[in-house]
Protein backbone atom coordinates (compact mmCIF):
# COMPACT_ATOMS: atom_id res chain seq x y z
CA MET A 1 64.35 81.65 189.29
CA SER A 2 64.11 81.76 193.04
CA SER A 3 65.77 84.37 195.28
CA HIS A 4 69.09 83.16 196.84
CA LYS A 5 71.92 84.70 198.92
CA ILE A 6 75.56 85.49 198.36
CA ALA A 7 77.85 85.87 201.04
CA LEU A 8 80.95 88.51 200.73
CA ALA A 9 84.00 87.34 203.05
CA GLN A 10 85.72 90.47 203.93
CA ILE A 11 88.86 88.92 205.56
CA ASN A 12 92.09 89.87 206.73
CA PRO A 13 94.68 87.57 205.48
CA LEU A 14 98.28 87.28 206.77
CA LEU A 15 100.63 87.16 203.79
CA GLY A 16 102.11 83.42 203.52
CA ASP A 17 100.15 82.12 206.34
CA LEU A 18 98.51 79.47 204.09
CA ALA A 19 96.92 77.35 206.79
CA GLY A 20 95.72 80.44 208.79
CA ASN A 21 94.23 82.01 205.50
CA ALA A 22 92.52 79.19 204.78
CA GLN A 23 90.99 78.69 208.09
CA LEU A 24 89.68 82.26 207.77
CA ILE A 25 88.07 81.04 204.35
CA LEU A 26 86.51 78.05 206.02
CA GLU A 27 85.05 79.93 208.88
CA ALA A 28 83.38 82.46 206.47
CA SER A 29 81.84 79.48 204.57
CA ALA A 30 80.63 77.70 207.60
CA GLU A 31 78.95 81.02 208.70
CA ALA A 32 77.47 81.60 205.11
CA PHE A 33 76.23 78.20 204.79
CA LYS A 34 74.33 78.47 208.16
CA GLN A 35 73.02 81.55 207.24
CA GLY A 36 71.47 80.10 203.92
CA ALA A 37 73.84 81.48 201.47
CA LYS A 38 74.42 79.74 198.05
CA LEU A 39 77.65 81.18 197.13
CA VAL A 40 80.85 82.88 199.03
CA LEU A 41 83.25 85.21 197.44
CA THR A 42 86.37 85.86 198.83
CA PRO A 43 89.04 88.47 198.03
CA GLU A 44 91.84 88.25 195.23
CA LEU A 45 94.62 85.64 196.64
CA SER A 46 92.62 85.11 199.56
CA LEU A 47 94.66 81.93 200.18
CA THR A 48 98.20 83.74 199.98
CA GLY A 49 97.33 87.32 201.16
CA TYR A 50 98.23 90.22 198.61
CA PRO A 51 100.80 91.15 197.17
CA PRO A 52 103.05 88.20 197.73
CA GLU A 53 105.91 90.10 195.67
CA ASP A 54 108.91 87.80 195.19
CA LEU A 55 107.76 84.86 197.14
CA LEU A 56 105.83 84.42 193.73
CA LEU A 57 109.39 83.54 192.42
CA ARG A 58 109.83 80.74 194.93
CA PRO A 59 108.60 77.28 193.65
CA ALA A 60 108.16 75.88 197.31
CA PHE A 61 105.53 78.79 198.09
CA ILE A 62 103.39 78.21 194.74
CA GLU A 63 103.71 74.22 195.73
CA ALA A 64 102.53 75.08 199.20
CA ALA A 65 99.49 77.05 198.13
CA GLN A 66 98.54 74.37 195.89
CA GLN A 67 98.62 71.62 198.67
CA GLN A 68 96.74 74.16 200.76
CA LEU A 69 93.92 74.61 198.16
CA ASP A 70 93.45 70.82 197.82
CA LYS A 71 93.00 70.56 201.53
CA LEU A 72 90.78 73.45 201.87
CA MET A 73 88.64 71.89 198.90
CA VAL A 74 88.09 68.92 201.07
CA GLU A 75 87.17 70.74 204.02
CA LEU A 76 84.71 73.04 202.29
CA ALA A 77 83.16 69.80 200.85
CA SER A 78 81.44 69.56 204.39
CA PHE A 79 79.16 72.44 203.22
CA PRO A 80 77.09 70.51 200.56
CA GLY A 81 75.81 72.65 197.55
CA LEU A 82 77.85 75.66 198.58
CA THR A 83 79.97 77.56 195.99
CA ILE A 84 83.11 79.17 197.42
CA ILE A 85 85.40 81.30 195.17
CA VAL A 86 89.04 81.20 196.56
CA GLY A 87 91.88 83.38 195.05
CA HIS A 88 95.48 81.84 194.75
CA PRO A 89 98.53 81.87 192.28
CA LYS A 90 98.53 78.82 189.97
CA LYS A 91 101.06 77.35 187.58
CA THR A 92 99.35 76.65 184.48
CA SER A 93 100.61 75.65 180.86
CA VAL A 94 101.31 79.13 180.00
CA GLY A 95 103.10 80.19 183.31
CA LEU A 96 102.03 81.52 186.64
CA GLN A 97 98.49 83.27 186.81
CA ASN A 98 96.77 85.36 189.30
CA PHE A 99 94.09 82.84 189.65
CA ALA A 100 90.23 82.28 191.42
CA SER A 101 88.95 78.97 191.48
CA VAL A 102 85.22 78.05 192.10
CA LEU A 103 84.86 75.09 194.50
CA ARG A 104 81.74 73.13 195.31
CA ASP A 105 81.31 69.59 196.89
CA GLY A 106 85.26 69.09 196.79
CA LYS A 107 85.89 69.83 193.59
CA VAL A 108 87.05 72.94 191.11
CA ILE A 109 84.07 73.59 189.03
CA ALA A 110 85.53 76.35 187.33
CA GLY A 111 88.19 78.94 187.32
CA TYR A 112 89.68 82.15 186.16
CA ALA A 113 93.03 83.87 185.28
CA LYS A 114 93.18 87.82 185.80
CA GLN A 115 93.64 89.47 182.22
CA GLU A 116 94.44 92.96 183.13
CA LEU A 117 97.56 92.83 185.30
CA PRO A 118 98.48 96.13 187.11
CA ASN A 119 101.69 97.57 186.58
CA HIS A 120 101.59 101.07 187.90
CA GLU A 121 101.57 102.93 191.43
CA VAL A 122 102.26 100.18 193.78
CA PHE A 123 101.28 97.32 191.79
CA ASP A 124 103.83 95.31 189.51
CA GLU A 125 101.80 91.90 188.58
CA VAL A 126 103.40 91.81 185.29
CA ARG A 127 106.93 91.05 186.96
CA TYR A 128 105.16 87.54 188.24
CA PHE A 129 102.23 86.71 186.25
CA VAL A 130 101.24 85.76 182.67
CA PRO A 131 97.61 87.18 181.84
CA GLY A 132 94.52 85.02 181.28
CA LYS A 133 92.66 85.15 177.98
CA GLN A 134 89.34 83.27 178.97
CA ALA A 135 86.19 84.24 180.40
CA CYS A 136 84.80 82.31 183.26
CA VAL A 137 80.98 81.78 183.53
CA PHE A 138 79.39 79.18 185.85
CA GLU A 139 75.95 78.22 187.15
CA CYS A 140 74.93 78.53 190.62
CA ASP A 141 71.25 77.80 191.59
CA GLY A 142 70.01 78.72 188.01
CA ILE A 143 71.93 81.81 187.63
CA GLN A 144 74.91 82.23 185.37
CA TYR A 145 77.67 84.07 187.10
CA GLY A 146 80.87 85.65 185.31
CA LEU A 147 84.11 86.02 187.16
CA ILE A 148 86.58 88.57 186.80
CA LEU A 149 89.54 89.58 189.37
CA CYS A 150 90.17 93.08 190.56
CA GLU A 151 92.03 95.37 187.67
CA ASP A 152 89.77 93.50 185.20
CA ALA A 153 86.85 95.56 186.46
CA TRP A 154 88.64 98.73 185.73
CA HIS A 155 88.34 97.77 181.95
CA ALA A 156 85.49 97.45 179.85
CA GLY A 157 86.73 94.15 177.98
CA PRO A 158 86.73 91.38 180.79
CA ALA A 159 83.28 92.49 181.63
CA LYS A 160 81.80 92.48 178.16
CA GLN A 161 83.65 89.12 177.41
CA ALA A 162 81.81 87.57 180.56
CA HIS A 163 78.49 89.05 179.52
CA SER A 164 79.02 87.65 175.86
CA ALA A 165 79.58 83.99 177.34
CA GLY A 166 76.37 84.32 179.23
CA ALA A 167 77.07 85.82 182.40
CA GLN A 168 74.05 87.36 184.04
CA VAL A 169 75.77 88.62 187.64
CA LEU A 170 79.28 89.46 187.62
CA LEU A 171 81.50 88.55 190.56
CA VAL A 172 84.71 90.76 191.50
CA PRO A 173 87.01 89.60 194.15
CA ASN A 174 89.93 92.09 195.11
CA ALA A 175 92.77 93.11 196.80
CA SER A 176 92.43 97.08 196.28
CA PRO A 177 94.84 98.97 198.39
CA TYR A 178 93.52 102.16 200.14
CA HIS A 179 94.27 105.76 199.27
CA LEU A 180 92.17 109.15 200.11
CA LYS A 181 88.58 108.92 198.60
CA LYS A 182 89.37 105.52 197.03
CA GLU A 183 85.95 103.98 198.00
CA ALA A 184 84.04 106.59 195.98
CA LEU A 185 86.42 106.05 192.98
CA ARG A 186 85.69 102.35 192.74
CA ILE A 187 81.92 102.88 192.70
CA GLU A 188 82.04 105.42 190.39
CA VAL A 189 84.53 103.62 187.92
CA LEU A 190 82.71 100.31 188.12
CA ARG A 191 79.37 101.95 187.49
CA GLN A 192 80.79 103.35 184.13
CA HIS A 193 82.45 100.15 182.98
CA ILE A 194 79.77 97.78 183.79
CA ALA A 195 77.03 99.89 183.04
CA LEU A 196 77.81 98.73 179.52
CA THR A 197 76.50 95.44 180.25
CA LYS A 198 73.78 95.96 182.49
CA MET A 199 75.05 93.35 184.67
CA PRO A 200 74.44 93.51 188.62
CA LEU A 201 77.99 93.46 190.32
CA ILE A 202 79.25 92.05 193.50
CA TYR A 203 82.74 93.33 194.54
CA VAL A 204 84.48 92.08 197.58
CA ASN A 205 87.79 93.46 199.04
CA ALA A 206 90.48 92.61 201.50
CA VAL A 207 90.96 94.32 204.55
CA GLY A 208 93.99 94.83 206.75
CA GLY A 209 97.51 96.20 206.74
CA GLN A 210 100.33 94.63 204.62
CA ASP A 211 103.79 96.57 205.15
CA GLU A 212 103.24 100.00 203.51
CA LEU A 213 99.76 99.02 202.11
CA VAL A 214 96.32 98.91 203.70
CA PHE A 215 93.34 97.48 202.44
CA ASP A 216 90.14 99.12 203.42
CA GLY A 217 87.42 96.55 202.64
CA GLY A 218 84.45 98.60 201.76
CA SER A 219 82.90 95.77 199.78
CA PHE A 220 79.84 96.40 198.09
CA ALA A 221 77.22 95.70 195.39
CA LEU A 222 75.36 97.48 192.58
CA ASP A 223 72.15 96.52 190.81
CA SER A 224 71.73 96.42 187.12
CA GLN A 225 70.88 100.25 187.08
CA GLY A 226 74.24 100.69 188.75
CA GLU A 227 72.53 101.72 192.02
CA LEU A 228 74.44 100.99 195.37
CA VAL A 229 72.25 98.26 197.05
CA MET A 230 74.78 97.09 199.65
CA ALA A 231 78.10 98.58 201.31
CA MET A 232 79.88 96.72 203.70
CA PRO A 233 82.30 98.96 206.72
CA GLN A 234 85.95 100.08 205.73
CA PHE A 235 88.81 98.85 207.94
CA GLU A 236 87.13 95.93 209.67
CA THR A 237 86.58 92.31 208.88
CA SER A 238 83.04 91.36 208.42
CA LEU A 239 80.56 88.89 206.44
CA GLY A 240 78.04 90.66 204.22
CA PHE A 241 75.19 89.31 202.26
CA VAL A 242 73.33 90.34 199.26
CA SER A 243 70.17 88.59 197.73
CA ILE A 244 69.32 87.93 194.03
CA ASP A 245 65.80 88.43 193.17
CA GLY A 246 63.40 86.18 191.02
CA ALA A 247 64.23 88.54 188.01
CA GLY A 248 68.06 87.93 188.49
CA ASP A 249 68.89 91.43 189.96
CA LEU A 250 70.39 92.47 193.38
CA GLU A 251 67.80 93.38 196.26
CA LYS A 252 68.57 96.18 198.55
CA SER A 253 70.53 95.17 201.70
CA ILE A 254 72.29 96.94 204.41
CA ILE A 255 74.45 100.40 203.11
CA THR A 256 76.96 101.46 205.62
CA PRO A 257 77.22 105.03 205.39
CA PRO A 258 80.30 106.75 204.05
CA GLN A 259 82.71 108.38 206.44
CA SER A 260 84.72 111.45 206.24
CA VAL A 261 88.25 111.59 204.83
CA GLU A 262 89.57 112.47 208.31
CA ALA A 263 87.93 109.35 209.73
CA GLN A 264 88.82 107.17 206.96
CA ALA A 265 92.65 108.15 207.18
CA TYR A 266 92.77 107.82 210.91
CA GLN A 267 91.45 104.25 210.60
CA ALA A 268 93.71 103.41 207.86
CA LEU A 269 96.62 104.58 209.96
CA VAL A 270 95.29 102.68 213.23
CA LEU A 271 94.81 99.45 210.91
CA GLY A 272 98.25 99.76 209.34
CA VAL A 273 99.91 100.06 212.61
CA ARG A 274 97.98 97.43 214.30
CA ASP A 275 98.50 94.71 211.54
CA TYR A 276 102.50 95.87 211.29
CA VAL A 277 102.91 95.26 214.85
CA GLN A 278 100.73 92.09 215.61
CA LYS A 279 101.46 90.25 212.32
CA ASN A 280 105.14 90.62 212.94
CA LYS A 281 104.71 89.59 216.41
CA PHE A 282 106.19 92.80 218.33
CA PRO A 283 105.43 92.64 221.97
CA GLY A 284 104.71 96.40 221.85
CA VAL A 285 106.05 99.90 220.62
CA ILE A 286 107.95 102.79 221.85
CA ILE A 287 107.61 106.44 220.60
CA GLY A 288 109.66 109.53 221.20
CA LEU A 289 107.01 112.03 222.92
CA SER A 290 108.42 115.67 222.17
CA GLY A 291 105.43 117.60 223.14
CA GLY A 292 104.68 118.53 219.44
CA VAL A 293 101.84 117.46 217.23
CA ASP A 294 103.27 114.88 215.23
CA SER A 295 104.33 112.54 218.18
CA ALA A 296 101.02 113.45 219.71
CA LEU A 297 99.17 112.17 216.90
CA VAL A 298 101.36 108.75 216.66
CA LEU A 299 100.90 108.26 220.28
CA ALA A 300 97.00 108.53 219.87
CA ILE A 301 97.16 106.16 216.98
CA ALA A 302 99.45 103.59 218.62
CA VAL A 303 97.21 103.49 221.56
CA ASP A 304 93.76 103.22 219.58
CA ALA A 305 95.69 100.29 217.62
CA LEU A 306 97.25 98.34 220.12
CA GLY A 307 95.95 99.34 223.64
CA ALA A 308 97.60 101.60 226.15
CA ASP A 309 99.41 98.52 227.68
CA LYS A 310 101.54 98.02 224.62
CA VAL A 311 102.79 101.73 224.08
CA ARG A 312 105.69 103.55 225.82
CA ALA A 313 106.32 107.02 225.49
CA ILE A 314 109.76 108.51 226.29
CA MET A 315 110.69 112.38 226.52
CA MET A 316 114.02 113.37 225.84
CA PRO A 317 114.51 116.97 226.80
CA SER A 318 117.54 118.89 226.02
CA ARG A 319 118.68 122.51 227.01
CA TYR A 320 116.48 123.84 224.23
CA THR A 321 113.22 122.09 225.25
CA ALA A 322 110.67 124.69 226.36
CA ASP A 323 108.96 123.87 229.61
CA ILE A 324 105.35 123.76 227.97
CA SER A 325 106.84 120.65 225.93
CA TRP A 326 107.48 118.87 229.23
CA ILE A 327 103.95 119.87 230.55
CA ASP A 328 102.10 118.90 227.37
CA ALA A 329 103.95 115.80 226.78
CA ARG A 330 103.18 114.78 230.46
CA GLU A 331 99.25 115.56 230.07
CA MET A 332 99.02 113.69 226.70
CA ALA A 333 100.89 110.49 228.24
CA LYS A 334 98.56 110.78 231.15
CA ASN A 335 95.63 111.14 229.01
CA LEU A 336 96.33 107.99 227.27
CA ASN A 337 97.25 106.11 230.46
CA VAL A 338 100.73 104.88 228.76
CA GLN A 339 104.10 104.19 230.43
CA TYR A 340 105.78 107.47 230.36
CA ASP A 341 109.73 108.13 230.86
CA GLU A 342 111.93 110.91 230.84
CA ILE A 343 115.81 110.78 230.03
CA ALA A 344 117.47 114.10 229.66
CA ILE A 345 119.93 114.02 226.71
CA SER A 346 122.30 116.74 227.91
CA GLU A 347 125.17 114.66 229.36
CA PRO A 348 125.39 112.34 226.32
CA VAL A 349 125.24 115.37 223.91
CA ASP A 350 127.80 117.10 225.85
CA ALA A 351 129.93 114.05 225.88
CA LEU A 352 129.86 113.68 222.13
CA GLU A 353 130.51 117.45 221.45
CA THR A 354 133.55 117.18 223.74
CA ALA A 355 134.85 113.97 221.98
CA LEU A 356 134.51 116.05 218.75
CA ALA A 357 135.88 119.70 220.01
CA GLU A 358 139.13 119.19 218.68
CA GLN A 359 137.79 117.95 215.18
CA PHE A 360 135.38 121.08 214.98
CA GLN A 361 137.87 123.46 216.24
CA GLY A 362 137.55 126.99 214.36
CA LEU A 363 134.23 125.61 212.33
CA LYS A 364 131.06 127.56 213.21
CA VAL A 365 128.12 125.96 214.86
CA ASP A 366 125.52 124.55 212.45
CA ALA A 367 123.04 121.87 211.92
CA THR A 368 125.76 119.22 212.94
CA GLU A 369 125.09 119.99 216.47
CA GLU A 370 121.51 119.89 216.16
CA ASN A 371 121.61 116.71 214.59
CA ILE A 372 123.80 115.24 217.59
CA GLN A 373 120.88 116.22 219.68
CA ALA A 374 118.33 113.70 217.26
CA ARG A 375 120.79 110.89 216.99
CA VAL A 376 121.43 110.79 220.86
CA ARG A 377 117.58 110.54 220.97
CA GLY A 378 117.30 107.80 218.03
CA THR A 379 120.24 105.88 219.92
CA LEU A 380 118.23 105.88 223.19
CA LEU A 381 115.08 104.70 221.74
CA MET A 382 117.00 102.05 219.65
CA ALA A 383 118.54 100.78 222.77
CA LEU A 384 114.98 100.66 224.71
CA SER A 385 113.92 98.74 221.62
CA ASN A 386 116.84 96.36 221.75
CA LYS A 387 116.37 95.63 225.47
CA THR A 388 112.64 95.31 225.46
CA GLY A 389 111.90 94.08 221.87
CA ARG A 390 109.41 96.57 221.38
CA MET A 391 109.36 98.19 218.20
CA VAL A 392 110.19 102.32 217.51
CA LEU A 393 107.44 104.11 215.86
CA THR A 394 108.93 107.13 214.03
CA THR A 395 106.99 110.50 214.03
CA GLY A 396 108.10 112.27 210.74
CA ASN A 397 105.41 113.51 208.43
CA LYS A 398 105.25 113.62 204.55
CA SER A 399 105.74 117.27 204.25
CA GLU A 400 109.43 116.72 206.52
CA MET A 401 110.08 113.61 204.64
CA ALA A 402 109.73 115.64 201.38
CA VAL A 403 112.28 118.18 201.91
CA GLY A 404 114.44 116.34 204.20
CA TYR A 405 113.52 118.28 207.41
CA CYS A 406 114.63 115.02 209.49
CA THR A 407 117.92 113.43 210.75
CA LEU A 408 119.22 110.12 209.54
CA TYR A 409 119.95 107.67 212.15
CA GLY A 410 118.01 110.51 214.57
CA ASP A 411 114.49 110.92 214.37
CA MET A 412 114.13 108.62 211.36
CA ALA A 413 115.49 105.85 213.50
CA GLY A 414 112.98 103.33 214.04
CA GLY A 415 110.99 100.23 212.59
CA PHE A 416 107.69 101.75 211.36
CA ALA A 417 106.91 105.32 210.00
CA VAL A 418 103.31 105.85 210.94
CA ILE A 419 102.39 109.23 209.40
CA LYS A 420 105.17 109.28 206.56
CA ASP A 421 102.48 109.65 203.99
CA ILE A 422 100.38 112.48 206.13
CA ALA A 423 101.09 115.94 205.29
CA LYS A 424 101.55 118.54 208.11
CA THR A 425 98.05 120.06 207.30
CA LEU A 426 96.48 116.70 207.50
CA VAL A 427 98.14 116.15 210.71
CA TYR A 428 96.50 118.96 212.30
CA ARG A 429 93.09 117.82 210.81
CA LEU A 430 93.57 114.15 211.97
CA CYS A 431 94.31 115.47 215.59
CA ALA A 432 91.21 117.55 215.70
CA TYR A 433 89.16 114.49 214.43
CA ARG A 434 90.66 112.26 217.12
CA ASN A 435 89.79 115.06 219.68
CA SER A 436 86.27 115.20 218.59
CA ILE A 437 85.92 111.67 219.95
CA ALA A 438 87.58 112.24 223.09
CA PRO A 439 89.91 115.38 224.01
CA ILE A 440 93.18 113.60 224.58
CA ILE A 441 95.66 115.93 222.84
CA PRO A 442 96.35 119.00 224.74
CA GLU A 443 94.84 122.26 222.80
CA ARG A 444 98.37 123.84 223.03
CA ILE A 445 100.02 121.21 221.19
CA LEU A 446 97.69 122.21 218.20
CA THR A 447 97.82 125.92 218.30
CA ARG A 448 101.60 126.43 219.11
CA ALA A 449 103.98 126.96 216.34
CA PRO A 450 105.84 123.81 215.48
CA SER A 451 109.52 123.54 216.33
CA ALA A 452 112.33 120.93 216.20
CA GLU A 453 113.47 122.43 219.35
CA LEU A 454 117.22 121.99 218.54
CA ARG A 455 118.36 125.59 218.91
CA PRO A 456 117.09 128.65 220.71
CA ASP A 457 113.77 129.90 219.58
CA GLN A 458 113.71 127.85 216.53
CA LYS A 459 110.49 127.32 214.33
CA ASP A 460 109.96 125.03 211.38
CA GLN A 461 108.91 128.00 209.41
CA ASP A 462 112.10 129.69 209.85
CA SER A 463 113.66 127.35 206.96
CA LEU A 464 110.54 126.10 205.30
CA PRO A 465 107.56 127.77 203.57
CA SER A 466 104.36 127.92 205.80
CA TYR A 467 102.97 124.12 205.57
CA GLU A 468 100.07 125.36 203.66
CA VAL A 469 102.12 126.36 200.82
CA LEU A 470 104.65 123.56 201.15
CA ASP A 471 102.11 120.65 201.27
CA GLY A 472 100.28 122.64 198.24
CA ILE A 473 103.72 122.36 196.02
CA VAL A 474 104.42 118.63 197.58
CA GLU A 475 100.97 117.41 196.60
CA ARG A 476 101.12 119.05 192.85
CA TYR A 477 104.84 118.07 192.14
CA MET A 478 105.07 114.82 193.75
CA GLU A 479 101.44 113.10 193.82
CA GLN A 480 100.15 114.75 190.71
CA ASN A 481 103.31 114.88 188.65
CA GLN A 482 102.82 118.75 187.69
CA SER A 483 105.72 120.78 186.14
CA ILE A 484 107.33 123.60 187.94
CA GLU A 485 105.51 125.91 185.57
CA GLN A 486 102.04 124.40 186.16
CA ILE A 487 102.69 124.96 189.99
CA ILE A 488 103.75 128.49 189.68
CA ALA A 489 100.86 129.22 187.33
CA ALA A 490 98.51 127.95 190.07
CA GLY A 491 99.73 130.84 192.22
CA PHE A 492 102.66 129.72 193.97
CA ASN A 493 105.66 131.94 194.70
CA PRO A 494 108.44 130.93 192.16
CA GLU A 495 111.06 131.09 194.53
CA SER A 496 109.19 128.55 197.04
CA VAL A 497 108.58 126.16 194.17
CA GLU A 498 112.03 126.11 193.18
CA LYS A 499 113.34 125.58 196.83
CA VAL A 500 110.92 122.79 197.77
CA THR A 501 111.29 120.89 194.28
CA ARG A 502 115.03 121.15 194.77
CA LEU A 503 115.14 119.90 198.43
CA ILE A 504 113.00 116.95 197.24
CA LYS A 505 115.26 115.90 194.70
CA LEU A 506 118.22 116.33 197.09
CA ASN A 507 117.03 114.40 199.94
CA GLU A 508 116.05 111.28 197.91
CA TYR A 509 119.06 109.45 199.63
CA LYS A 510 117.52 109.96 203.11
CA ARG A 511 113.92 108.66 202.20
CA ARG A 512 115.70 105.63 200.68
CA GLN A 513 116.75 104.68 204.27
CA ALA A 514 113.50 105.43 205.95
CA PRO A 515 111.19 102.93 207.53
CA PRO A 516 108.06 101.83 205.77
CA GLY A 517 104.95 103.36 206.70
CA VAL A 518 101.02 103.48 205.92
CA ARG A 519 100.45 104.57 202.34
CA VAL A 520 97.20 106.83 202.49
CA THR A 521 97.67 109.16 199.27
CA THR A 522 97.61 108.44 195.60
CA ARG A 523 101.44 108.60 196.08
CA ALA A 524 103.49 107.79 198.91
CA PHE A 525 107.28 107.97 199.33
CA GLY A 526 107.62 104.11 199.07
CA ARG A 527 107.16 101.68 196.77
CA ASP A 528 105.18 104.01 194.10
CA TRP A 529 108.11 106.59 194.23
CA ARG A 530 111.18 105.11 192.62
CA TYR A 531 113.35 108.04 191.58
CA PRO A 532 117.05 107.52 191.22
CA ILE A 533 119.28 108.80 194.03
CA THR A 534 122.00 109.78 191.49
CA SER A 535 120.51 112.02 188.99
CA GLN A 536 121.44 115.28 187.14
CA PHE A 537 117.87 115.91 185.90
CA ARG A 538 116.05 119.14 187.23
CA ALA A 539 112.88 120.21 185.95
């Protein structure tokens, strides 16, 4: 058995751009062929992008995907002897299936329908697909390859089935969304399951942002002993190679070293923003810059994602805005070289309060007046968005979204909520990480007490527990599904636990109206948090 090379095409498909995705597959195959590879592995549903969601319910979408596959097959025939694995939806005798076709010399030589359809977290493949039952084993250059898809690798059955059918090496195309520390989890889980068969494993993952999801790439290969022999970069497209030696095992190749949690989270946010803005063809973005830590982080992410020329910052001071907020906002904008404007909100706020004076007569001043300020700012940002076509990026973090420390049609107004899945404590860590690359965020923004600046001497901690406590409760209750009793037993103050969990329930109606944003934890307020707004249950 001679040594031969396998290419891993870590591509960034654009969902629904069938011709564009086919071109990405074609280009990767051309380069792989040029470099002497015998086989090219592309991600799960590489032809359509993932997840297509209810596009899969449209017959026209399925037909167009099949037509594009037929055309691609003819084009790939110009690389004689090269085997290419392409993911696509396929209408079969049992129904629609999540499929991977094995193409060579203008023909389909084998195919596989995904068996384990995930229906948890952000996944709902059971809604669309019928599971497969058959193993897929095909020969390439004297080696028997077994093919399984994504979730299949998290279960022992499909790999065992492929091994029993004669597979010597396992190929795993994936569209695996990122969450913190997932790259290590994938390797650990696949090591355990695949160790049962002693088959080397080659895992390719998509990369790119798709609405709330970010796919991080990080494709890798494990030899027959479960040792990592090849690892590709996260959050960037690339073409990787791994070779099979004469004994049928994998040779050691380039291993990209793992990054810190902060580096991964930051890159996930940058990629999520870049792809959301560019794939949806927005000419740029607008950010309300307050002089606070959240908007500072969002501004840095936006500039790193899109370039300074595509980012505009607007400072909207009120009578409660501290001088240091002006100074720090101006310095931040200058450090990043973005267009910066200041629009005072005192006059429009006064006008609204005057218009409402008769209605509010005899009623005490409360959060209503604070929210008017936030809504004036939201209105100004959306007016600039309408006029320029640029999208507004909102700046609320996960801690605030959890307990409703945000204003509907105010600071929640916008098209994309960049840090909606980033807890406040992680916000500070990400700012420190970005400043370690280049000191762009003024130090005072990171050290002063957080404040919405909607009333005199206001501090976030006046109405909320400390962010360390708040974030700990939110993580346990919302991400880990712990009970109130478990959280209290972990050492949290019962009063704080009761308050935070009550606020999480009360503010579901607000979150349902929030823009989408990048998911980086195991559970975000979005497609994997589906709580009813109307509910009397309280834990």
